[in-house]
Amino acid sequence: MSEEQAVQESVEAPAVNESTNTSDGKWYDSLPEDMRQDKNITKFDSVESMSKSWLSAQRMIGKDKIPMPETDEDYATVYGRLGRPDDVSGYEIKAPEGVQVDTDKQASFLDVAHKAGLSKKQVEVLSTWDFEHSSKTMESFNANTESANKESLESLKTEWGPGFDKNVKIANRAVNEFVNESELSFLKEKSIDGIKLADHPVLVRMFSNIGKGMMEGGNLEGVGAEQGMTPQEMKDSRSTLMNHPAYTDKRHAEHEQVHRKVRQSFEEQYN
């Protein structure tokens, strides 16, 4: 072995893995002091993690980048690069076939969207969602209205029994007597709790009572008793018949007639 080789072997030391922190210190302890104090160095827990970060940064070199905006002009530049048109006329909204567009609402939305920096694609996605959501909301409203109208109709049928048709006709005649065309349109278009005003039990009952009062005063043409009475009217009629002397006096000339009317009243109401 030559003297030069011996010297070389004597100064060579075993390799030390400094890629990670050890119990004896940090991986960057062997670096110059100014680097050991730099947070861009100390934030990494190993040479490997720093190397990955460095490689990622190298890959970004040369790519188109957008600087962080600070002023309104900066934001305008960023919005433009991200797809915002120069003005609201650059947006395109296509309404589904058969959908009536609220132009005032749409103009207001586009104005806000442009101020917020939304791109054409973002506005397209939001407008599509709005059309779909509005359509589902309207479908739900119509279904609820139909259900509510049906329930209100059934409640009046239960309350009035055989007299339902008669009372509805009386109510309609009272409406025709007092309500003009514009007011009637209002009643048919507006709703309370999903029930059209024209079909609301409270108003139908009210107009029916008004009509009955007018009939009693001779100011409204009658609809005929044969079209039925309400359960309460039938009960009152039976009470009157049952208080008639002929009802309990078998020898009375009208005994059979009164009994028959009472029996027919019960059958009509409960059978």
Protein backbone atom coordinates (compact mmCIF):
# COMPACT_ATOMS: atom_id res chain seq x y z
CA MET A 1 0.00 0.00 0.00
CA SER A 2 1.39 3.38 -0.96
CA GLU A 3 1.73 6.26 1.50
CA GLU A 4 -0.91 8.28 -0.43
CA GLN A 5 -3.48 5.47 -0.13
CA ALA A 6 -2.84 5.16 3.57
CA VAL A 7 -3.48 8.85 4.09
CA GLN A 8 -6.71 8.70 2.15
CA GLU A 9 -7.98 5.72 4.12
CA SER A 10 -7.08 7.39 7.37
CA VAL A 11 -9.23 10.53 6.67
CA GLU A 12 -12.31 8.73 5.27
CA ALA A 13 -15.17 8.49 7.79
CA PRO A 14 -18.32 6.40 7.81
CA ALA A 15 -21.25 7.98 5.92
CA VAL A 16 -23.81 9.62 8.16
CA ASN A 17 -27.50 9.83 7.13
CA GLU A 18 -28.51 13.43 7.74
CA SER A 19 -31.73 13.22 5.77
CA THR A 20 -33.87 13.33 8.92
CA ASN A 21 -33.81 14.81 12.38
CA THR A 22 -32.11 12.66 14.99
CA SER A 23 -32.02 12.67 18.74
CA ASP A 24 -28.62 14.38 18.47
CA GLY A 25 -29.94 17.38 16.45
CA LYS A 26 -31.60 18.67 13.31
CA TRP A 27 -30.80 17.64 9.77
CA TYR A 28 -29.71 21.19 8.95
CA ASP A 29 -27.30 21.59 11.90
CA SER A 30 -24.32 21.25 9.56
CA LEU A 31 -25.44 24.21 7.45
CA PRO A 32 -24.06 27.75 7.90
CA GLU A 33 -25.61 29.66 10.79
CA ASP A 34 -27.60 32.11 8.62
CA MET A 35 -29.25 29.18 6.82
CA ARG A 36 -29.98 27.38 10.10
CA GLN A 37 -31.99 30.46 11.19
CA ASP A 38 -33.95 30.77 7.94
CA LYS A 39 -37.60 29.67 8.32
CA ASN A 40 -37.60 28.55 4.70
CA ILE A 41 -35.11 25.90 5.80
CA THR A 42 -36.29 25.06 9.32
CA LYS A 43 -39.90 24.48 8.25
CA PHE A 44 -38.81 21.18 6.66
CA ASP A 45 -38.26 18.17 8.88
CA SER A 46 -35.96 16.36 6.45
CA VAL A 47 -33.84 16.75 3.36
CA GLU A 48 -36.40 14.64 1.49
CA SER A 49 -39.33 17.00 2.24
CA MET A 50 -37.25 20.03 1.24
CA SER A 51 -36.19 18.30 -1.96
CA LYS A 52 -39.80 17.57 -2.90
CA SER A 53 -40.73 21.21 -2.33
CA TRP A 54 -37.78 22.37 -4.43
CA LEU A 55 -38.70 20.03 -7.31
CA SER A 56 -42.30 21.24 -7.22
CA ALA A 57 -41.12 24.84 -7.42
CA GLN A 58 -38.86 24.00 -10.36
CA ARG A 59 -41.76 22.50 -12.26
CA MET A 60 -43.72 25.75 -11.85
CA ILE A 61 -40.96 27.82 -13.45
CA GLY A 62 -42.08 29.02 -16.87
CA LYS A 63 -45.77 28.31 -16.27
CA ASP A 64 -48.40 31.05 -16.58
CA LYS A 65 -49.04 32.36 -13.09
CA ILE A 66 -51.53 34.85 -11.61
CA PRO A 67 -50.14 37.23 -8.96
CA MET A 68 -52.09 37.82 -5.76
CA PRO A 69 -54.34 40.87 -6.34
CA GLU A 70 -54.19 43.89 -4.07
CA THR A 71 -55.98 46.73 -5.86
CA ASP A 72 -59.29 46.89 -7.76
CA GLU A 73 -57.31 46.96 -10.98
CA ASP A 74 -55.44 43.83 -9.91
CA TYR A 75 -58.73 42.05 -9.18
CA ALA A 76 -60.16 43.12 -12.54
CA THR A 77 -57.11 41.63 -14.25
CA VAL A 78 -57.40 38.37 -12.31
CA TYR A 79 -61.15 38.09 -12.98
CA GLY A 80 -60.54 38.63 -16.67
CA ARG A 81 -57.87 35.94 -16.82
CA LEU A 82 -60.20 33.55 -14.99
CA GLY A 83 -62.97 34.04 -17.54
CA ARG A 84 -65.04 37.06 -16.55
CA PRO A 85 -66.28 38.94 -19.66
CA ASP A 86 -65.56 42.63 -20.14
CA ASP A 87 -69.19 43.52 -19.29
CA VAL A 88 -72.52 41.81 -18.52
CA SER A 89 -73.36 41.51 -22.22
CA GLY A 90 -70.66 38.85 -22.43
CA TYR A 91 -72.68 36.44 -20.29
CA GLU A 92 -75.00 33.96 -22.00
CA ILE A 93 -78.01 32.50 -20.19
CA LYS A 94 -80.19 29.98 -21.98
CA ALA A 95 -83.59 29.47 -20.38
CA PRO A 96 -85.24 26.03 -20.71
CA GLU A 97 -87.96 25.78 -23.32
CA GLY A 98 -91.30 27.08 -22.07
CA VAL A 99 -89.81 28.95 -19.11
CA GLN A 100 -90.77 32.60 -18.78
CA VAL A 101 -87.73 34.65 -17.78
CA ASP A 102 -87.95 37.48 -15.27
CA THR A 103 -85.84 39.98 -17.20
CA ASP A 104 -85.48 42.40 -14.28
CA LYS A 105 -84.28 39.62 -11.97
CA GLN A 106 -81.87 38.32 -14.61
CA ALA A 107 -80.39 41.77 -15.27
CA SER A 108 -79.86 42.31 -11.54
CA PHE A 109 -78.23 38.88 -11.18
CA LEU A 110 -75.81 39.48 -14.06
CA ASP A 111 -74.85 42.86 -12.66
CA VAL A 112 -74.00 41.33 -9.28
CA ALA A 113 -72.24 38.37 -10.93
CA HIS A 114 -69.98 40.70 -12.91
CA LYS A 115 -69.12 42.75 -9.83
CA ALA A 116 -68.28 39.52 -7.99
CA GLY A 117 -65.91 38.51 -10.78
CA LEU A 118 -67.82 35.42 -11.90
CA SER A 119 -66.74 33.75 -15.12
CA LYS A 120 -69.07 32.78 -17.97
CA LYS A 121 -68.93 29.16 -16.83
CA GLN A 122 -69.83 30.03 -13.25
CA VAL A 123 -72.81 32.13 -14.36
CA GLU A 124 -73.95 29.32 -16.63
CA VAL A 125 -73.83 26.78 -13.77
CA LEU A 126 -75.65 29.11 -11.34
CA SER A 127 -78.37 30.06 -13.83
CA THR A 128 -79.00 26.40 -14.71
CA TRP A 129 -79.35 25.61 -11.01
CA ASP A 130 -81.74 28.54 -10.55
CA PHE A 131 -83.99 27.44 -13.42
CA GLU A 132 -84.10 23.86 -12.10
CA HIS A 133 -84.71 24.98 -8.51
CA SER A 134 -87.47 27.41 -9.54
CA SER A 135 -89.14 24.71 -11.63
CA LYS A 136 -89.13 22.24 -8.74
CA THR A 137 -90.40 24.92 -6.36
CA MET A 138 -93.30 25.74 -8.70
CA GLU A 139 -94.15 22.06 -9.12
CA SER A 140 -94.19 21.63 -5.35
CA PHE A 141 -96.32 24.77 -4.92
CA ASN A 142 -98.86 23.60 -7.51
CA ALA A 143 -99.05 20.15 -5.92
CA ASN A 144 -99.53 21.65 -2.45
CA THR A 145 -102.16 24.07 -3.77
CA GLU A 146 -104.07 21.26 -5.43
CA SER A 147 -103.92 19.20 -2.25
CA ALA A 148 -105.00 22.14 -0.07
CA ASN A 149 -107.91 22.98 -2.39
CA LYS A 150 -109.03 19.36 -2.30
CA GLU A 151 -108.88 19.28 1.51
CA SER A 152 -110.85 22.52 1.79
CA LEU A 153 -113.50 21.13 -0.55
CA GLU A 154 -113.77 17.94 1.48
CA SER A 155 -114.11 19.92 4.72
CA LEU A 156 -117.09 21.84 3.31
CA LYS A 157 -118.67 18.63 1.98
CA THR A 158 -118.38 17.12 5.44
CA GLU A 159 -119.80 20.21 7.09
CA TRP A 160 -122.67 20.77 4.68
CA GLY A 161 -123.45 17.17 3.77
CA PRO A 162 -126.30 16.91 1.21
CA GLY A 163 -126.62 20.70 1.27
CA PHE A 164 -123.16 21.22 -0.26
CA ASP A 165 -124.29 21.84 -3.84
CA LYS A 166 -127.09 24.14 -2.72
CA ASN A 167 -124.83 26.24 -0.50
CA VAL A 168 -122.13 26.52 -3.17
CA LYS A 169 -124.73 27.77 -5.67
CA ILE A 170 -125.98 30.30 -3.15
CA ALA A 171 -122.40 31.45 -2.52
CA ASN A 172 -121.74 31.79 -6.26
CA ARG A 173 -124.91 33.87 -6.73
CA ALA A 174 -123.86 36.17 -3.90
CA VAL A 175 -120.40 36.53 -5.48
CA ASN A 176 -121.95 37.42 -8.84
CA GLU A 177 -124.12 39.98 -7.08
CA PHE A 178 -121.32 41.79 -5.22
CA VAL A 179 -117.98 41.00 -6.91
CA ASN A 180 -116.81 42.60 -10.17
CA GLU A 181 -114.49 40.98 -12.76
CA SER A 182 -111.22 42.37 -11.39
CA GLU A 183 -112.14 41.38 -7.84
CA LEU A 184 -113.13 37.91 -9.02
CA SER A 185 -109.76 37.52 -10.78
CA PHE A 186 -108.07 38.52 -7.52
CA LEU A 187 -109.98 35.84 -5.61
CA LYS A 188 -109.04 33.19 -8.19
CA GLU A 189 -105.34 34.13 -8.32
CA LYS A 190 -104.40 34.85 -4.70
CA SER A 191 -103.90 32.14 -2.09
CA ILE A 192 -103.81 31.72 1.67
CA ASP A 193 -102.08 28.63 3.08
CA GLY A 194 -101.99 27.22 -0.46
CA ILE A 195 -105.76 27.62 -0.96
CA LYS A 196 -107.16 29.93 -3.63
CA LEU A 197 -109.29 32.63 -2.03
CA ALA A 198 -112.19 31.73 -4.31
CA ASP A 199 -112.10 28.18 -2.87
CA HIS A 200 -111.27 29.04 0.73
CA PRO A 201 -113.87 27.55 3.12
CA VAL A 202 -114.12 30.76 5.13
CA LEU A 203 -115.02 32.89 2.10
CA VAL A 204 -117.28 30.27 0.53
CA ARG A 205 -119.14 29.90 3.83
CA MET A 206 -119.32 33.68 4.22
CA PHE A 207 -120.78 34.27 0.74
CA SER A 208 -123.21 31.38 1.26
CA ASN A 209 -124.49 33.03 4.45
CA ILE A 210 -124.75 36.37 2.67
CA GLY A 211 -126.75 34.72 -0.08
CA LYS A 212 -129.09 33.05 2.39
CA GLY A 213 -129.70 36.38 4.09
CA MET A 214 -130.52 37.97 0.75
CA MET A 215 -132.87 35.12 -0.11
CA GLU A 216 -134.75 35.61 3.13
CA GLY A 217 -135.13 39.28 2.29
CA GLY A 218 -136.30 38.47 -1.19
CA ASN A 219 -133.22 40.06 -2.79
CA LEU A 220 -131.74 36.88 -4.26
CA GLU A 221 -133.39 34.11 -6.25
CA GLY A 222 -133.60 30.82 -4.35
CA VAL A 223 -132.00 27.58 -5.45
CA GLY A 224 -134.68 25.14 -4.32
CA ALA A 225 -134.99 23.15 -1.13
CA GLU A 226 -134.89 19.91 -3.08
CA GLN A 227 -131.16 20.38 -3.60
CA GLY A 228 -130.51 19.44 0.04
CA MET A 229 -129.86 20.96 3.43
CA THR A 230 -126.82 21.12 5.66
CA PRO A 231 -126.60 18.59 8.53
CA GLN A 232 -127.49 21.34 11.01
CA GLU A 233 -130.47 22.43 8.90
CA MET A 234 -131.66 18.83 8.74
CA LYS A 235 -131.27 18.48 12.50
CA ASP A 236 -133.25 21.68 13.09
CA SER A 237 -135.95 20.49 10.69
CA ARG A 238 -136.28 17.16 12.51
CA SER A 239 -136.42 18.94 15.83
CA THR A 240 -139.32 21.05 14.57
CA LEU A 241 -141.14 17.98 13.26
CA MET A 242 -140.56 16.00 16.46
CA ASN A 243 -141.99 18.88 18.52
CA HIS A 244 -145.12 18.87 16.41
CA PRO A 245 -148.16 17.46 18.30
CA ALA A 246 -148.77 14.95 15.50
CA TYR A 247 -145.39 13.27 16.13
CA THR A 248 -146.45 11.77 19.50
CA ASP A 249 -150.23 11.63 18.95
CA LYS A 250 -151.04 8.51 16.96
CA ARG A 251 -154.63 9.66 16.55
CA HIS A 252 -153.52 12.93 14.93
CA ALA A 253 -154.40 13.20 11.23
CA GLU A 254 -150.79 14.11 10.31
CA HIS A 255 -149.09 11.54 12.57
CA GLU A 256 -147.96 9.20 9.74
CA GLN A 257 -146.85 12.09 7.54
CA VAL A 258 -144.72 13.66 10.28
CA HIS A 259 -143.17 10.33 11.25
CA ARG A 260 -142.32 9.61 7.61
CA LYS A 261 -140.59 12.97 7.20
CA VAL A 262 -138.52 12.42 10.35
CA ARG A 263 -137.54 8.91 9.23
CA GLN A 264 -136.61 10.12 5.75
CA SER A 265 -134.50 12.91 7.24
CA PHE A 266 -132.50 10.43 9.32
CA GLU A 267 -132.04 8.11 6.34
CA GLU A 268 -130.95 10.93 4.05
CA GLN A 269 -128.36 12.19 6.50
CA TYR A 270 -126.91 8.94 7.88
CA ASN A 271 -127.43 6.32 5.16
